[in-house]
PDB file of N, CA and C in Angstrom:
ATOM      1  N   UNK A   1       0.860  -1.181   0.000  1.00  0.00           N
ATOM      2  CA  UNK A   1       0.000   0.000   0.000  1.00  0.00           C
ATOM      3  C   UNK A   1       0.899   1.236   0.000  1.00  0.00           C
ATOM      4  N   UNK A   2       0.545   2.217  -0.795  1.00  0.00           N
ATOM      5  CA  UNK A   2       1.330   3.434  -0.890  1.00  0.00           C
ATOM      6  C   UNK A   2       1.259   4.267   0.374  1.00  0.00           C
ATOM      7  N   UNK A   3       2.307   5.045   0.586  1.00  0.00           N
ATOM      8  CA  UNK A   3       2.379   5.884   1.784  1.00  0.00           C
ATOM      9  C   UNK A   3       1.230   6.874   1.838  1.00  0.00           C
ATOM     10  N   UNK A   4       0.912   7.451   0.711  1.00  0.00           N
ATOM     11  CA  UNK A   4      -0.182   8.435   0.663  1.00  0.00           C
ATOM     12  C   UNK A   4      -1.511   7.796   1.093  1.00  0.00           C
ATOM     13  N   UNK A   5      -1.727   6.574   0.653  1.00  0.00           N
ATOM     14  CA  UNK A   5      -2.957   5.852   1.007  1.00  0.00           C
ATOM     15  C   UNK A   5      -2.983   5.494   2.492  1.00  0.00           C
ATOM     16  N   UNK A   6      -1.825   5.129   3.043  1.00  0.00           N
ATOM     17  CA  UNK A   6      -1.736   4.825   4.477  1.00  0.00           C
ATOM     18  C   UNK A   6      -2.082   6.056   5.310  1.00  0.00           C
ATOM     19  N   UNK A   7      -1.526   7.206   4.899  1.00  0.00           N
ATOM     20  CA  UNK A   7      -1.790   8.457   5.616  1.00  0.00           C
ATOM     21  C   UNK A   7      -3.273   8.786   5.557  1.00  0.00           C
ATOM     22  N   UNK A   8      -3.877   8.637   4.391  1.00  0.00           N
ATOM     23  CA  UNK A   8      -5.302   8.914   4.239  1.00  0.00           C
ATOM     24  C   UNK A   8      -6.140   7.963   5.100  1.00  0.00           C
ATOM     25  N   UNK A   9      -5.749   6.686   5.157  1.00  0.00           N
ATOM     26  CA  UNK A   9      -6.481   5.720   5.992  1.00  0.00           C
ATOM     27  C   UNK A   9      -6.397   6.075   7.466  1.00  0.00           C
ATOM     28  N   UNK A  10      -5.217   6.507   7.932  1.00  0.00           N
ATOM     29  CA  UNK A  10      -5.067   6.913   9.334  1.00  0.00           C
ATOM     30  C   UNK A  10      -5.931   8.146   9.605  1.00  0.00           C
ATOM     31  N   UNK A  11      -5.914   9.091   8.687  1.00  0.00           N
ATOM     32  CA  UNK A  11      -6.722  10.312   8.829  1.00  0.00           C
ATOM     33  C   UNK A  11      -8.204   9.965   8.963  1.00  0.00           C
ATOM     34  N   UNK A  12      -8.680   9.112   8.079  1.00  0.00           N
ATOM     35  CA  UNK A  12     -10.102   8.724   8.112  1.00  0.00           C
ATOM     36  C   UNK A  12     -10.440   7.937   9.366  1.00  0.00           C
ATOM     37  N   UNK A  13      -9.566   7.024   9.765  1.00  0.00           N
ATOM     38  CA  UNK A  13      -9.864   6.211  10.952  1.00  0.00           C
ATOM     39  C   UNK A  13      -9.847   7.065  12.215  1.00  0.00           C
ATOM     40  N   UNK A  14      -8.968   8.069  12.274  1.00  0.00           N
ATOM     41  CA  UNK A  14      -8.976   8.979  13.425  1.00  0.00           C
ATOM     42  C   UNK A  14     -10.290   9.752  13.502  1.00  0.00           C
ATOM     43  N   UNK A  15     -10.789  10.189  12.355  1.00  0.00           N
ATOM     44  CA  UNK A  15     -12.056  10.916  12.361  1.00  0.00           C
ATOM     45  C   UNK A  15     -13.228   9.992  12.718  1.00  0.00           C
ATOM     46  N   UNK A  16     -13.197   8.746  12.269  1.00  0.00           N
ATOM     47  CA  UNK A  16     -14.247   7.789  12.661  1.00  0.00           C
ATOM     48  C   UNK A  16     -14.198   7.531  14.165  1.00  0.00           C
ATOM     49  N   UNK A  17     -13.004   7.364  14.680  1.00  0.00           N
ATOM     50  CA  UNK A  17     -12.833   7.131  16.114  1.00  0.00           C
ATOM     51  C   UNK A  17     -13.315   8.337  16.905  1.00  0.00           C
ATOM     52  N   UNK A  18     -12.961   9.528  16.452  1.00  0.00           N
ATOM     53  CA  UNK A  18     -13.408  10.762  17.101  1.00  0.00           C
ATOM     54  C   UNK A  18     -14.930  10.799  17.162  1.00  0.00           C
ATOM     55  N   UNK A  19     -15.563  10.434  16.051  1.00  0.00           N
ATOM     56  CA  UNK A  19     -17.026  10.455  15.981  1.00  0.00           C
ATOM     57  C   UNK A  19     -17.641   9.458  16.962  1.00  0.00           C
ATOM     58  N   UNK A  20     -17.034   8.285  17.108  1.00  0.00           N
ATOM     59  CA  UNK A  20     -17.552   7.261  18.021  1.00  0.00           C
ATOM     60  C   UNK A  20     -17.287   7.599  19.483  1.00  0.00           C
ATOM     61  N   UNK A  21     -16.074   8.045  19.773  1.00  0.00           N
ATOM     62  CA  UNK A  21     -15.666   8.284  21.156  1.00  0.00           C
ATOM     63  C   UNK A  21     -16.382   9.488  21.755  1.00  0.00           C
ATOM     64  N   UNK A  22     -16.534  10.549  20.991  1.00  0.00           N
ATOM     65  CA  UNK A  22     -17.138  11.779  21.508  1.00  0.00           C
ATOM     66  C   UNK A  22     -18.570  11.980  21.026  1.00  0.00           C
ATOM     67  N   UNK A  23     -19.270  10.903  20.810  1.00  0.00           N
ATOM     68  CA  UNK A  23     -20.650  10.935  20.324  1.00  0.00           C
ATOM     69  C   UNK A  23     -21.516  11.836  21.224  1.00  0.00           C
ATOM     70  N   UNK A  24     -22.334  12.681  20.611  1.00  0.00           N
ATOM     71  CA  UNK A  24     -23.263  13.596  21.297  1.00  0.00           C
ATOM     72  C   UNK A  24     -22.574  14.692  22.100  1.00  0.00           C
ATOM     73  N   UNK A  25     -21.280  14.915  21.901  1.00  0.00           N
ATOM     74  CA  UNK A  25     -20.560  15.984  22.598  1.00  0.00           C
ATOM     75  C   UNK A  25     -19.975  16.920  21.536  1.00  0.00           C
ATOM     76  N   UNK A  26     -20.768  17.913  21.147  1.00  0.00           N
ATOM     77  CA  UNK A  26     -20.376  18.790  20.042  1.00  0.00           C
ATOM     78  C   UNK A  26     -19.059  19.517  20.300  1.00  0.00           C
ATOM     79  N   UNK A  27     -18.849  19.942  21.530  1.00  0.00           N
ATOM     80  CA  UNK A  27     -17.638  20.679  21.859  1.00  0.00           C
ATOM     81  C   UNK A  27     -16.388  19.798  21.683  1.00  0.00           C
ATOM     82  N   UNK A  28     -16.439  18.578  22.196  1.00  0.00           N
ATOM     83  CA  UNK A  28     -15.305  17.659  22.069  1.00  0.00           C
ATOM     84  C   UNK A  28     -15.124  17.210  20.621  1.00  0.00           C
ATOM     85  N   UNK A  29     -16.221  16.994  19.910  1.00  0.00           N
ATOM     86  CA  UNK A  29     -16.132  16.605  18.495  1.00  0.00           C
ATOM     87  C   UNK A  29     -15.425  17.680  17.680  1.00  0.00           C
ATOM     88  N   UNK A  30     -15.785  18.924  17.916  1.00  0.00           N
ATOM     89  CA  UNK A  30     -15.180  20.029  17.183  1.00  0.00           C
ATOM     90  C   UNK A  30     -13.709  20.183  17.540  1.00  0.00           C
ATOM     91  N   UNK A  31     -13.393  20.122  18.827  1.00  0.00           N
ATOM     92  CA  UNK A  31     -11.999  20.264  19.255  1.00  0.00           C
ATOM     93  C   UNK A  31     -11.125  19.145  18.686  1.00  0.00           C
ATOM     94  N   UNK A  32     -11.619  17.918  18.708  1.00  0.00           N
ATOM     95  CA  UNK A  32     -10.854  16.790  18.168  1.00  0.00           C
ATOM     96  C   UNK A  32     -10.682  16.924  16.660  1.00  0.00           C
ATOM     97  N   UNK A  33     -11.730  17.342  15.956  1.00  0.00           N
ATOM     98  CA  UNK A  33     -11.645  17.531  14.505  1.00  0.00           C
ATOM     99  C   UNK A  33     -10.596  18.578  14.157  1.00  0.00           C
ATOM    100  N   UNK A  34     -10.625  19.694  14.879  1.00  0.00           N
ATOM    101  CA  UNK A  34      -9.661  20.759  14.618  1.00  0.00           C
ATOM    102  C   UNK A  34      -8.230  20.298  14.890  1.00  0.00           C
ATOM    103  N   UNK A  35      -8.030  19.545  15.965  1.00  0.00           N
ATOM    104  CA  UNK A  35      -6.690  19.072  16.318  1.00  0.00           C
ATOM    105  C   UNK A  35      -6.169  18.069  15.285  1.00  0.00           C
ATOM    106  N   UNK A  36      -7.002  17.132  14.876  1.00  0.00           N
ATOM    107  CA  UNK A  36      -6.592  16.149  13.864  1.00  0.00           C
ATOM    108  C   UNK A  36      -6.221  16.863  12.567  1.00  0.00           C
ATOM    109  N   UNK A  37      -7.091  17.748  12.120  1.00  0.00           N
ATOM    110  CA  UNK A  37      -6.834  18.465  10.872  1.00  0.00           C
ATOM    111  C   UNK A  37      -5.574  19.327  10.976  1.00  0.00           C
ATOM    112  N   UNK A  38      -5.370  19.978  12.117  1.00  0.00           N
ATOM    113  CA  UNK A  38      -4.194  20.827  12.326  1.00  0.00           C
ATOM    114  C   UNK A  38      -2.908  20.004  12.236  1.00  0.00           C
ATOM    115  N   UNK A  39      -2.884  18.849  12.893  1.00  0.00           N
ATOM    116  CA  UNK A  39      -1.681  18.010  12.882  1.00  0.00           C
ATOM    117  C   UNK A  39      -1.367  17.487  11.484  1.00  0.00           C
ATOM    118  N   UNK A  40      -2.383  17.074  10.753  1.00  0.00           N
ATOM    119  CA  UNK A  40      -2.138  16.578   9.399  1.00  0.00           C
ATOM    120  C   UNK A  40      -1.718  17.716   8.472  1.00  0.00           C
ATOM    121  N   UNK A  41      -2.333  18.885   8.627  1.00  0.00           N
ATOM    122  CA  UNK A  41      -1.975  20.032   7.789  1.00  0.00           C
ATOM    123  C   UNK A  41      -0.543  20.492   8.076  1.00  0.00           C
ATOM    124  N   UNK A  42      -0.168  20.448   9.366  1.00  0.00           N
ATOM    125  CA  UNK A  42       1.167  20.885   9.770  1.00  0.00           C
ATOM    126  C   UNK A  42       2.256  20.014   9.123  1.00  0.00           C
ATOM    127  N   UNK A  43       1.960  18.744   8.921  1.00  0.00           N
ATOM    128  CA  UNK A  43       2.961  17.812   8.400  1.00  0.00           C
ATOM    129  C   UNK A  43       2.714  17.399   6.950  1.00  0.00           C
ATOM    130  N   UNK A  44       1.895  18.137   6.230  1.00  0.00           N
ATOM    131  CA  UNK A  44       1.534  17.712   4.866  1.00  0.00           C
ATOM    132  C   UNK A  44       2.699  17.784   3.888  1.00  0.00           C
ATOM    133  N   UNK A  45       3.720  18.580   4.175  1.00  0.00           N
ATOM    134  CA  UNK A  45       4.848  18.711   3.257  1.00  0.00           C
ATOM    135  C   UNK A  45       6.026  17.818   3.637  1.00  0.00           C
ATOM    136  N   UNK A  46       5.825  16.926   4.575  1.00  0.00           N
ATOM    137  CA  UNK A  46       6.895  16.004   4.992  1.00  0.00           C
ATOM    138  C   UNK A  46       7.213  15.049   3.846  1.00  0.00           C
ATOM    139  N   UNK A  47       8.511  14.870   3.557  1.00  0.00           N
ATOM    140  CA  UNK A  47       8.903  13.998   2.456  1.00  0.00           C
ATOM    141  C   UNK A  47       9.708  12.786   2.921  1.00  0.00           C
ATOM    142  N   UNK A  48      10.236  12.832   4.130  1.00  0.00           N
ATOM    143  CA  UNK A  48      11.043  11.726   4.640  1.00  0.00           C
ATOM    144  C   UNK A  48      10.160  10.513   4.926  1.00  0.00           C
ATOM    145  N   UNK A  49      10.441   9.416   4.249  1.00  0.00           N
ATOM    146  CA  UNK A  49       9.657   8.184   4.413  1.00  0.00           C
ATOM    147  C   UNK A  49       9.690   7.705   5.861  1.00  0.00           C
ATOM    148  N   UNK A  50      10.836   7.833   6.501  1.00  0.00           N
ATOM    149  CA  UNK A  50      10.994   7.393   7.889  1.00  0.00           C
ATOM    150  C   UNK A  50      10.110   8.215   8.831  1.00  0.00           C
ATOM    151  N   UNK A  51      10.119   9.531   8.672  1.00  0.00           N
ATOM    152  CA  UNK A  51       9.282  10.399   9.514  1.00  0.00           C
ATOM    153  C   UNK A  51       7.797  10.158   9.256  1.00  0.00           C
ATOM    154  N   UNK A  52       7.435   9.949   8.005  1.00  0.00           N
ATOM    155  CA  UNK A  52       6.036   9.689   7.672  1.00  0.00           C
ATOM    156  C   UNK A  52       5.568   8.397   8.335  1.00  0.00           C
ATOM    157  N   UNK A  53       6.410   7.352   8.296  1.00  0.00           N
ATOM    158  CA  UNK A  53       6.039   6.087   8.940  1.00  0.00           C
ATOM    159  C   UNK A  53       5.922   6.238  10.451  1.00  0.00           C
ATOM    160  N   UNK A  54       6.778   7.068  11.064  1.00  0.00           N
ATOM    161  CA  UNK A  54       6.673   7.331  12.507  1.00  0.00           C
ATOM    162  C   UNK A  54       5.348   8.028  12.828  1.00  0.00           C
ATOM    163  N   UNK A  55       4.980   8.988  11.993  1.00  0.00           N
ATOM    164  CA  UNK A  55       3.723   9.716  12.217  1.00  0.00           C
ATOM    165  C   UNK A  55       2.509   8.816  11.995  1.00  0.00           C
ATOM    166  N   UNK A  56       2.589   7.912  11.024  1.00  0.00           N
ATOM    167  CA  UNK A  56       1.505   6.949  10.806  1.00  0.00           C
ATOM    168  C   UNK A  56       1.349   6.065  12.042  1.00  0.00           C
ATOM    169  N   UNK A  57       2.477   5.597  12.578  1.00  0.00           N
ATOM    170  CA  UNK A  57       2.454   4.762  13.792  1.00  0.00           C
ATOM    171  C   UNK A  57       1.848   5.543  14.956  1.00  0.00           C
ATOM    172  N   UNK A  58       2.237   6.810  15.097  1.00  0.00           N
ATOM    173  CA  UNK A  58       1.697   7.637  16.177  1.00  0.00           C
ATOM    174  C   UNK A  58       0.188   7.815  16.017  1.00  0.00           C
ATOM    175  N   UNK A  59      -0.272   8.029  14.793  1.00  0.00           N
ATOM    176  CA  UNK A  59      -1.703   8.199  14.543  1.00  0.00           C
ATOM    177  C   UNK A  59      -2.495   6.952  14.902  1.00  0.00           C
ATOM    178  N   UNK A  60      -1.964   5.776  14.562  1.00  0.00           N
ATOM    179  CA  UNK A  60      -2.674   4.534  14.905  1.00  0.00           C
ATOM    180  C   UNK A  60      -2.642   4.293  16.407  1.00  0.00           C
ATOM    181  N   UNK A  61      -1.538   4.675  17.070  1.00  0.00           N
ATOM    182  CA  UNK A  61      -1.461   4.549  18.532  1.00  0.00           C
ATOM    183  C   UNK A  61      -2.464   5.480  19.218  1.00  0.00           C
ATOM    184  N   UNK A  62      -2.580   6.696  18.704  1.00  0.00           N
ATOM    185  CA  UNK A  62      -3.540   7.656  19.267  1.00  0.00           C
ATOM    186  C   UNK A  62      -4.964   7.126  19.114  1.00  0.00           C
ATOM    187  N   UNK A  63      -5.241   6.556  17.955  1.00  0.00           N
ATOM    188  CA  UNK A  63      -6.577   5.989  17.734  1.00  0.00           C
ATOM    189  C   UNK A  63      -6.868   4.883  18.751  1.00  0.00           C
ATOM    190  N   UNK A  64      -5.895   4.019  18.991  1.00  0.00           N
ATOM    191  CA  UNK A  64      -6.081   2.922  19.928  1.00  0.00           C
ATOM    192  C   UNK A  64      -6.311   3.451  21.346  1.00  0.00           C
ATOM    193  N   UNK A  65      -5.547   4.453  21.742  1.00  0.00           N
ATOM    194  CA  UNK A  65      -5.706   5.038  23.080  1.00  0.00           C
ATOM    195  C   UNK A  65      -7.088   5.668  23.218  1.00  0.00           C
ATOM    196  N   UNK A  66      -7.522   6.398  22.201  1.00  0.00           N
ATOM    197  CA  UNK A  66      -8.850   7.015  22.247  1.00  0.00           C
ATOM    198  C   UNK A  66      -9.941   5.955  22.395  1.00  0.00           C
ATOM    199  N   UNK A  67      -9.852   4.899  21.611  1.00  0.00           N
ATOM    200  CA  UNK A  67     -10.882   3.853  21.654  1.00  0.00           C
ATOM    201  C   UNK A  67     -10.900   3.104  22.981  1.00  0.00           C
ATOM    202  N   UNK A  68      -9.733   2.858  23.564  1.00  0.00           N
ATOM    203  CA  UNK A  68      -9.662   2.011  24.751  1.00  0.00           C
ATOM    204  C   UNK A  68      -9.717   2.777  26.067  1.00  0.00           C
ATOM    205  N   UNK A  69      -9.320   4.033  26.077  1.00  0.00           N
ATOM    206  CA  UNK A  69      -9.141   4.727  27.351  1.00  0.00           C
ATOM    207  C   UNK A  69     -10.139   5.837  27.651  1.00  0.00           C
ATOM    208  N   UNK A  70     -10.760   6.401  26.647  1.00  0.00           N
ATOM    209  CA  UNK A  70     -11.623   7.558  26.866  1.00  0.00           C
ATOM    210  C   UNK A  70     -13.040   7.111  27.220  1.00  0.00           C
ATOM    211  N   UNK A  71     -13.544   7.640  28.336  1.00  0.00           N
ATOM    212  CA  UNK A  71     -14.924   7.391  28.765  1.00  0.00           C
ATOM    213  C   UNK A  71     -15.688   8.703  28.693  1.00  0.00           C
ATOM    214  N   UNK A  72     -16.921   8.642  28.287  1.00  0.00           N
ATOM    215  CA  UNK A  72     -17.769   9.830  28.224  1.00  0.00           C
ATOM    216  C   UNK A  72     -18.549   9.967  29.519  1.00  0.00           C
ATOM    217  N   UNK A  73     -18.531  11.177  30.066  1.00  0.00           N
ATOM    218  CA  UNK A  73     -19.309  11.474  31.262  1.00  0.00           C
ATOM    219  C   UNK A  73     -20.044  12.787  31.032  1.00  0.00           C
ATOM    220  N   UNK A  74     -21.187  12.905  31.691  1.00  0.00           N
ATOM    221  CA  UNK A  74     -21.993  14.108  31.522  1.00  0.00           C
ATOM    222  C   UNK A  74     -22.490  14.557  32.899  1.00  0.00           C
ATOM    223  N   UNK A  75     -22.438  15.863  33.142  1.00  0.00           N
ATOM    224  CA  UNK A  75     -22.994  16.405  34.384  1.00  0.00           C
ATOM    225  C   UNK A  75     -24.509  16.386  34.280  1.00  0.00           C
ATOM    226  N   UNK A  76     -25.167  15.701  35.202  1.00  0.00           N
ATOM    227  CA  UNK A  76     -26.628  15.665  35.203  1.00  0.00           C
ATOM    228  C   UNK A  76     -27.190  16.341  36.445  1.00  0.00           C
ATOM    229  N   UNK A  77     -26.334  16.664  37.359  1.00  0.00           N
ATOM    230  CA  UNK A  77     -26.731  17.367  38.574  1.00  0.00           C
ATOM    231  C   UNK A  77     -25.510  18.063  39.127  1.00  0.00           C
ATOM    232  N   UNK A  78     -25.700  18.768  40.223  1.00  0.00           N
ATOM    233  CA  UNK A  78     -24.578  19.505  40.792  1.00  0.00           C
ATOM    234  C   UNK A  78     -23.440  18.569  41.205  1.00  0.00           C
ATOM    235  N   UNK A  79     -23.784  17.455  41.823  1.00  0.00           N
ATOM    236  CA  UNK A  79     -22.771  16.501  42.276  1.00  0.00           C
ATOM    237  C   UNK A  79     -22.936  15.141  41.618  1.00  0.00           C
ATOM    238  N   UNK A  80     -23.558  15.102  40.453  1.00  0.00           N
ATOM    239  CA  UNK A  80     -23.847  13.823  39.812  1.00  0.00           C
ATOM    240  C   UNK A  80     -23.310  13.797  38.384  1.00  0.00           C
ATOM    241  N   UNK A  81     -22.661  12.690  38.048  1.00  0.00           N
ATOM    242  CA  UNK A  81     -22.163  12.482  36.694  1.00  0.00           C
ATOM    243  C   UNK A  81     -22.814  11.234  36.120  1.00  0.00           C
ATOM    244  N   UNK A  82     -23.102  11.269  34.828  1.00  0.00           N
ATOM    245  CA  UNK A  82     -23.651  10.120  34.124  1.00  0.00           C
ATOM    246  C   UNK A  82     -22.543   9.551  33.253  1.00  0.00           C
ATOM    247  N   UNK A  83     -22.195   8.289  33.492  1.00  0.00           N
ATOM    248  CA  UNK A  83     -21.150   7.623  32.739  1.00  0.00           C
ATOM    249  C   UNK A  83     -21.764   6.923  31.542  1.00  0.00           C
ATOM    250  N   UNK A  84     -21.166   7.121  30.369  1.00  0.00           N
ATOM    251  CA  UNK A  84     -21.652   6.480  29.144  1.00  0.00           C
ATOM    252  C   UNK A  84     -20.557   5.581  28.569  1.00  0.00           C
ATOM    253  N   UNK A  85     -20.411   4.373  29.109  1.00  0.00           N
ATOM    254  CA  UNK A  85     -19.376   3.485  28.574  1.00  0.00           C
ATOM    255  C   UNK A  85     -19.783   2.911  27.219  1.00  0.00           C
ATOM    256  N   UNK A  86     -18.791   2.688  26.378  1.00  0.00           N
ATOM    257  CA  UNK A  86     -19.049   2.016  25.112  1.00  0.00           C
ATOM    258  C   UNK A  86     -18.973   0.521  25.350  1.00  0.00           C
ATOM    259  N   UNK A  87     -19.409  -0.252  24.395  1.00  0.00           N
ATOM    260  CA  UNK A  87     -19.448  -1.706  24.533  1.00  0.00           C
ATOM    261  C   UNK A  87     -18.062  -2.271  24.836  1.00  0.00           C
ATOM    262  N   UNK A  88     -17.043  -1.631  24.301  1.00  0.00           N
ATOM    263  CA  UNK A  88     -15.673  -2.085  24.512  1.00  0.00           C
ATOM    264  C   UNK A  88     -15.288  -2.067  25.999  1.00  0.00           C
ATOM    265  N   UNK A  89     -15.846  -1.109  26.742  1.00  0.00           N
ATOM    266  CA  UNK A  89     -15.517  -0.985  28.160  1.00  0.00           C
ATOM    267  C   UNK A  89     -16.284  -1.955  29.051  1.00  0.00           C
ATOM    268  N   UNK A  90     -17.311  -2.552  28.526  1.00  0.00           N
ATOM    269  CA  UNK A  90     -18.143  -3.451  29.322  1.00  0.00           C
ATOM    270  C   UNK A  90     -17.549  -4.860  29.316  1.00  0.00           C
ATOM    271  N   UNK A  91     -16.563  -5.081  30.149  1.00  0.00           N
ATOM    272  CA  UNK A  91     -15.894  -6.364  30.242  1.00  0.00           C
ATOM    273  C   UNK A  91     -16.388  -7.107  31.477  1.00  0.00           C
ATOM    274  N   UNK A  92     -16.140  -8.382  31.503  1.00  0.00           N
ATOM    275  CA  UNK A  92     -16.487  -9.187  32.667  1.00  0.00           C
ATOM    276  C   UNK A  92     -15.629  -8.714  33.832  1.00  0.00           C
ATOM    277  N   UNK A  93     -16.256  -8.413  34.940  1.00  0.00           N
ATOM    278  CA  UNK A  93     -15.558  -7.901  36.099  1.00  0.00           C
ATOM    279  C   UNK A  93     -15.018  -9.057  36.944  1.00  0.00           C
ATOM    280  N   UNK A  94     -13.788  -8.934  37.372  1.00  0.00           N
ATOM    281  CA  UNK A  94     -13.185  -9.944  38.229  1.00  0.00           C
ATOM    282  C   UNK A  94     -13.616  -9.659  39.656  1.00  0.00           C
ATOM    283  N   UNK A  95     -14.086 -10.680  40.388  1.00  0.00           N
ATOM    284  CA  UNK A  95     -14.526 -10.441  41.772  1.00  0.00           C
ATOM    285  C   UNK A  95     -13.382  -9.912  42.633  1.00  0.00           C
ATOM    286  N   UNK A  96     -13.720  -9.038  43.525  1.00  0.00           N
ATOM    287  CA  UNK A  96     -12.743  -8.434  44.416  1.00  0.00           C
ATOM    288  C   UNK A  96     -12.895  -9.051  45.795  1.00  0.00           C
ATOM    289  N   UNK A  97     -11.800  -9.346  46.435  1.00  0.00           N
ATOM    290  CA  UNK A  97     -11.824  -9.953  47.764  1.00  0.00           C
ATOM    291  C   UNK A  97     -11.262  -8.952  48.763  1.00  0.00           C
ATOM    292  N   UNK A  98     -12.076  -8.593  49.779  1.00  0.00           N
ATOM    293  CA  UNK A  98     -11.638  -7.644  50.806  1.00  0.00           C
ATOM    294  C   UNK A  98     -10.575  -8.237  51.725  1.00  0.00           C
ATOM    295  N   UNK A  99     -10.641  -9.523  51.930  1.00  0.00           N
ATOM    296  CA  UNK A  99      -9.696 -10.158  52.850  1.00  0.00           C
ATOM    297  C   UNK A  99      -8.719 -11.029  52.034  1.00  0.00           C
ATOM    298  N   UNK A 100      -7.450 -10.708  52.119  1.00  0.00           N
ATOM    299  CA  UNK A 100      -6.469 -11.493  51.369  1.00  0.00           C
ATOM    300  C   UNK A 100      -6.383 -12.928  51.900  1.00  0.00           C
ATOM    301  N   UNK A 101      -5.979 -13.819  51.022  1.00  0.00           N
ATOM    302  CA  UNK A 101      -5.828 -15.213  51.439  1.00  0.00           C
ATOM    303  C   UNK A 101      -4.705 -15.360  52.449  1.00  0.00           C
ATOM    304  N   UNK A 102      -4.923 -16.249  53.398  1.00  0.00           N
ATOM    305  CA  UNK A 102      -3.871 -16.515  54.386  1.00  0.00           C
ATOM    306  C   UNK A 102      -2.976 -17.613  53.855  1.00  0.00           C
ATOM    307  N   UNK A 103      -1.682 -17.412  54.022  1.00  0.00           N
ATOM    308  CA  UNK A 103      -0.716 -18.415  53.580  1.00  0.00           C
ATOM    309  C   UNK A 103      -0.732 -19.563  54.579  1.00  0.00           C
ATOM    310  N   UNK A 104      -0.731 -20.800  54.081  1.00  0.00           N
ATOM    311  CA  UNK A 104      -0.757 -21.953  54.973  1.00  0.00           C
ATOM    312  C   UNK A 104       0.570 -22.660  55.003  1.00  0.00           C
TER     313      UNK A 104
END
């Protein structure tokens, strides 16, 4: 796959991820869109294949972090937050034990 196509795929996937992660949050959607576009525009004249591949790797890493680490929360009251986890965050919970096992 050509470098130009790889860059375009990373750009599109970042915007798809932005749309999924910040769903229903216009302020965050706009800020993320502006930041993604700014970073790609800033580096559009890069010609070094090595630097371009590093930036592609960074873009895919950023996408992974956004998908796995960002949780949406909304203020619904003065001291209340509403958590909106995505399906990815809904994992089987491991039981927690208050009392550690005794060594025998």
